[in-house]
Protein backbone atom coordinates (compact mmCIF):
# COMPACT_ATOMS: atom_id res chain seq x y z
CA MET A 1 -0.17 0.09 0.00
CA SER A 2 1.59 3.39 -0.89
CA ALA A 3 -0.28 6.75 -1.21
CA HIS A 4 1.58 7.23 -4.50
CA HIS A 5 -0.43 4.30 -5.70
CA PRO A 6 -3.40 4.53 -3.88
CA ILE A 7 -5.59 1.69 -4.45
CA HIS A 8 -8.58 1.51 -6.67
CA PRO A 9 -12.47 1.45 -5.14
CA ALA A 10 -12.81 -1.58 -7.41
CA ASP A 11 -10.14 -3.53 -7.34
CA PRO A 12 -10.69 -6.96 -6.87
CA ALA A 13 -8.39 -7.76 -4.15
CA LEU A 14 -10.99 -5.91 -1.80
CA LEU A 15 -13.44 -8.35 -2.10
CA HIS A 16 -11.30 -11.06 -0.74
CA LEU A 17 -11.20 -8.74 2.81
CA THR A 18 -12.95 -10.47 5.41
CA GLY A 19 -14.84 -8.42 7.79
CA PRO A 20 -12.27 -9.04 10.70
CA GLN A 21 -9.57 -7.25 8.69
CA LEU A 22 -11.73 -4.75 7.95
CA ALA A 23 -12.08 -3.91 11.80
CA GLU A 24 -8.62 -4.23 12.06
CA LEU A 25 -7.80 -1.14 9.52
CA ILE A 26 -10.51 0.43 11.25
CA ILE A 27 -8.84 0.28 14.76
CA GLU A 28 -5.70 1.21 13.12
CA LEU A 29 -7.31 4.32 10.82
CA ARG A 30 -8.45 5.69 14.45
CA THR A 31 -5.07 5.06 15.78
CA GLU A 32 -3.07 6.69 13.63
CA GLY A 33 -5.91 9.53 13.06
CA ARG A 34 -6.29 10.24 16.41
CA GLU A 35 -3.11 12.44 16.02
CA PHE A 36 -4.68 14.40 13.73
CA GLY A 37 -7.97 14.56 14.66
CA LEU A 38 -9.50 12.06 12.67
CA LEU A 39 -12.35 10.44 14.35
CA TRP A 40 -15.14 8.01 13.86
CA PRO A 41 -15.72 6.47 16.42
CA SER A 42 -18.98 4.52 14.96
CA THR A 43 -17.18 3.65 12.05
CA GLN A 44 -17.81 -0.17 11.36
CA THR A 45 -16.95 -2.89 8.83
CA GLY A 46 -20.24 -2.69 6.14
CA GLU A 47 -21.44 -5.56 4.84
CA THR A 48 -22.32 -4.32 1.30
CA ASN A 49 -20.89 -4.73 -1.74
CA LEU A 50 -21.90 -2.23 -4.68
CA SER A 51 -21.00 -2.57 -7.84
CA GLY A 52 -17.61 -4.54 -6.88
CA ARG A 53 -16.91 -1.98 -3.87
CA ARG A 54 -16.57 -3.35 -0.57
CA LEU A 55 -18.20 -0.53 1.73
CA VAL A 56 -16.82 0.72 5.31
CA ASN A 57 -19.75 2.38 7.55
CA PHE A 58 -18.45 5.94 7.79
CA GLY A 59 -20.34 7.31 5.28
CA ASN A 60 -20.45 4.08 2.92
CA VAL A 61 -16.98 4.71 1.41
CA PRO A 62 -15.45 2.03 -0.61
CA ALA A 63 -12.41 0.24 1.63
CA SER A 64 -10.22 1.45 -0.62
CA THR A 65 -10.77 5.21 1.10
CA LEU A 66 -10.16 3.83 4.44
CA ILE A 67 -6.69 1.71 2.93
CA ASN A 68 -5.66 4.92 0.72
CA LEU A 69 -6.40 6.75 3.83
CA LEU A 70 -3.62 4.67 6.11
CA ALA A 71 -1.11 5.03 3.29
CA LEU A 72 -1.07 9.03 3.47
CA LEU A 73 -1.15 9.02 7.59
CA ARG A 74 1.23 6.82 7.38
CA GLU A 75 3.31 8.33 4.94
CA TYR A 76 2.81 11.60 6.44
CA LYS A 77 4.27 10.22 9.21
CA ARG A 78 7.03 8.07 8.02
CA ASN A 79 8.37 12.15 6.34
CA ARG A 80 8.30 13.95 9.39
CA ASP A 81 9.40 11.84 11.55
CA GLY A 82 12.43 11.26 9.28
CA ASP A 83 12.72 15.26 8.41
CA HIS A 84 12.74 15.62 12.43
CA HIS A 85 15.63 13.20 12.80
CA ARG A 86 17.27 14.83 9.94
CA CYS A 87 16.66 18.07 11.56
CA SER A 88 18.20 17.31 14.92
CA ASP A 89 21.47 16.02 13.36
CA SER A 90 22.68 18.70 11.76
């Protein structure tokens, strides 16, 4: 998963995600996003596939949105933490 190469909502690989796997991603998004004020306390896995898109219940967005958000947060933190360490080494 990469922020530079987002997953398309109709990616067939998303159809293989199970409810428990999506629940783990939601927990990770809540944990990673908390620092930035991204809170979704009522988010839960959706039971719906719409036109090949697995949905997550926070506005019924595709699971790809959840995965892509996590990728963006991870990349931002990696870059921020990397820049922080470089600045302190100078």
